[in-house]
Protein backbone atom coordinates (compact mmCIF):
# COMPACT_ATOMS: atom_id res chain seq x y z
CA MET A 1 279.62 -1.70 -28.67
CA ASN A 2 276.22 -2.43 -27.12
CA SER A 3 275.52 -5.24 -29.58
CA THR A 4 278.92 -6.75 -28.78
CA LYS A 5 278.08 -6.78 -25.08
CA ARG A 6 274.71 -8.38 -25.80
CA LEU A 7 276.31 -11.06 -27.96
CA SER A 8 279.00 -11.70 -25.35
CA HIS A 9 276.36 -12.00 -22.64
CA PHE A 10 274.29 -14.35 -24.81
CA ILE A 11 277.32 -16.58 -25.41
CA LYS A 12 278.12 -16.68 -21.67
CA ARG A 13 274.53 -17.63 -20.87
CA ALA A 14 274.50 -20.31 -23.56
CA LEU A 15 277.76 -21.78 -22.30
CA CYS A 16 276.46 -21.79 -18.71
CA LEU A 17 273.38 -23.69 -19.83
CA LEU A 18 275.49 -26.13 -21.85
CA ALA A 19 277.80 -26.69 -18.88
CA SER A 20 274.80 -27.26 -16.61
CA VAL A 21 273.48 -29.95 -18.96
CA CYS A 22 276.91 -31.62 -18.89
CA TRP A 23 277.02 -31.53 -15.07
CA PHE A 24 273.49 -32.96 -14.91
CA GLY A 25 274.77 -35.81 -17.10
CA ILE A 26 277.72 -36.35 -14.77
CA ALA A 27 275.38 -36.43 -11.76
CA ILE A 28 273.19 -38.99 -13.51
CA GLY A 29 276.31 -41.02 -14.33
CA PHE A 30 277.36 -41.06 -10.67
CA GLY A 31 273.83 -42.11 -9.76
CA VAL A 32 273.92 -45.01 -12.22
CA VAL A 33 277.31 -46.13 -10.90
CA LEU A 34 276.01 -45.90 -7.32
CA VAL A 35 272.92 -48.00 -8.09
CA GLN A 36 275.01 -50.62 -9.92
CA TYR A 37 277.48 -50.69 -7.05
CA LEU A 38 274.69 -51.22 -4.52
CA LEU A 39 273.09 -53.95 -6.63
CA ASN A 40 276.43 -55.80 -6.91
CA GLY A 41 277.01 -56.00 -3.17
CA ALA A 42 278.70 -52.70 -2.27
CA GLY A 43 282.13 -53.94 -1.23
CA VAL A 44 281.50 -57.65 -0.83
CA GLN A 45 282.88 -58.34 -4.29
CA PHE A 46 286.38 -57.23 -3.22
CA PHE A 47 286.77 -59.81 -0.42
CA GLY A 48 284.83 -62.73 -1.83
CA PHE A 49 281.39 -63.52 -0.48
CA VAL A 50 282.43 -63.19 3.14
CA ILE A 51 280.90 -60.24 4.95
CA SER A 52 283.62 -58.76 7.13
CA SER A 53 284.16 -55.42 8.80
CA ALA A 54 286.62 -54.45 6.04
CA SER A 55 284.09 -55.11 3.28
CA VAL A 56 281.38 -53.19 5.14
CA LEU A 57 283.73 -50.25 5.73
CA LEU A 58 284.84 -50.26 2.09
CA GLY A 59 281.21 -50.34 0.94
CA VAL A 60 280.20 -47.47 3.22
CA VAL A 61 283.16 -45.35 2.06
CA HIS A 62 282.39 -45.99 -1.61
CA VAL A 63 278.65 -45.33 -1.24
CA THR A 64 279.34 -42.12 0.69
CA GLY A 65 281.84 -40.96 -1.94
CA PHE A 66 279.54 -41.70 -4.86
CA ALA A 67 276.60 -40.01 -3.12
CA PHE A 68 278.69 -36.91 -2.34
CA ALA A 69 280.00 -36.73 -5.91
CA MET A 70 276.45 -37.05 -7.27
CA LEU A 71 275.15 -34.36 -4.91
CA PHE A 72 278.04 -32.00 -5.69
CA SER A 73 277.55 -32.44 -9.45
CA PHE A 74 273.81 -31.85 -9.13
CA VAL A 75 274.29 -28.68 -7.06
CA LEU A 76 276.87 -27.37 -9.52
CA ALA A 77 274.49 -28.08 -12.42
CA ILE A 78 271.67 -26.19 -10.71
CA TRP A 79 273.96 -23.24 -9.99
CA LEU A 80 275.16 -23.08 -13.61
CA ALA A 81 271.59 -23.34 -14.90
CA ALA A 82 270.52 -20.50 -12.62
CA CYS A 83 273.44 -18.36 -13.80
CA GLY A 84 272.56 -19.12 -17.41
CA MET A 85 268.87 -18.27 -17.05
CA THR A 86 269.20 -15.08 -15.02
CA PRO A 87 269.51 -11.93 -17.15
CA ARG A 88 272.15 -9.37 -16.30
CA ALA A 89 270.70 -6.38 -14.43
CA GLU A 90 272.06 -3.66 -16.73
CA LEU A 91 270.67 -5.35 -19.85
CA ALA A 92 267.28 -5.97 -18.23
CA ASN A 93 266.93 -2.31 -17.16
CA LYS A 94 267.52 -1.01 -20.72
CA GLU A 95 264.72 -3.03 -22.26
């Protein structure tokens, strides 16, 4: 039974680390989209090349959303990585 618990714990840790790598990739993807969006005008492309209050508002909303999504993904990735790297207390005490 003890070896089954160890294997189960190892699989959970491995899956947490794999999920953290995936969330890091998602955060990087949001960052790439945000940089491309900023380089292409950040809202100006929707209303032509006229800078109006609507295009500025749309750009600010999109940039804020992309930045929040990137930050949330990054925090989730760090949390999953920490959960995957931290040993369980009862297994650490036995060794």
